[in-house]
Amino acid sequence: QISEQQLKRCEELYEKTWDLYESGQKQRRAQLEEDRPLWEQLQRDFDWSQLSTTERSMLRWRWARETEWIYAAPMEELSAQWWNDDEEFEGPDCMWPTGFVNFMGWLSEGLDIRLGCPVARVVSGEKKS
């Protein structure tokens, strides 16, 4: 059982790590540093050794809630340098009423798409008749 005090502490830690991550992300982008997984970067940006085992678990869960649940990928596979880059765009997030299927259909017009087939190579260039 997690107490309200522990949840509040978790949120405080999340905000602190978020601030450290975000300020470091801007610097990493400006310096064009080598990208690494988000989870690895979070561990570099913040001294996790000062936390109890429960705090570390709760903070990992809180970051997962912010990233993995939304992007359907583990933090070990998300880019530390480019995660959350949608903040660069103005306006609210939105959902397409019919989903992305119509958009994907438009993008794929004129392409030879074969489902269930392994891809051996992708060739980019002018379309040949």
Foldseek 3Di string as FASTA:
>chain_A
DADPVLVVVLVVVLVVLVVQLVVVLVVCVVVVPDKFFQVVVSCVSDPCVVDDPVSVVSNLVVVCVVPCVVPVDDSRPDTSNCPPVCVVDDDDDDADPVGCPVVVVVVCPPHDDDPPDDDPDDDDDDDDD
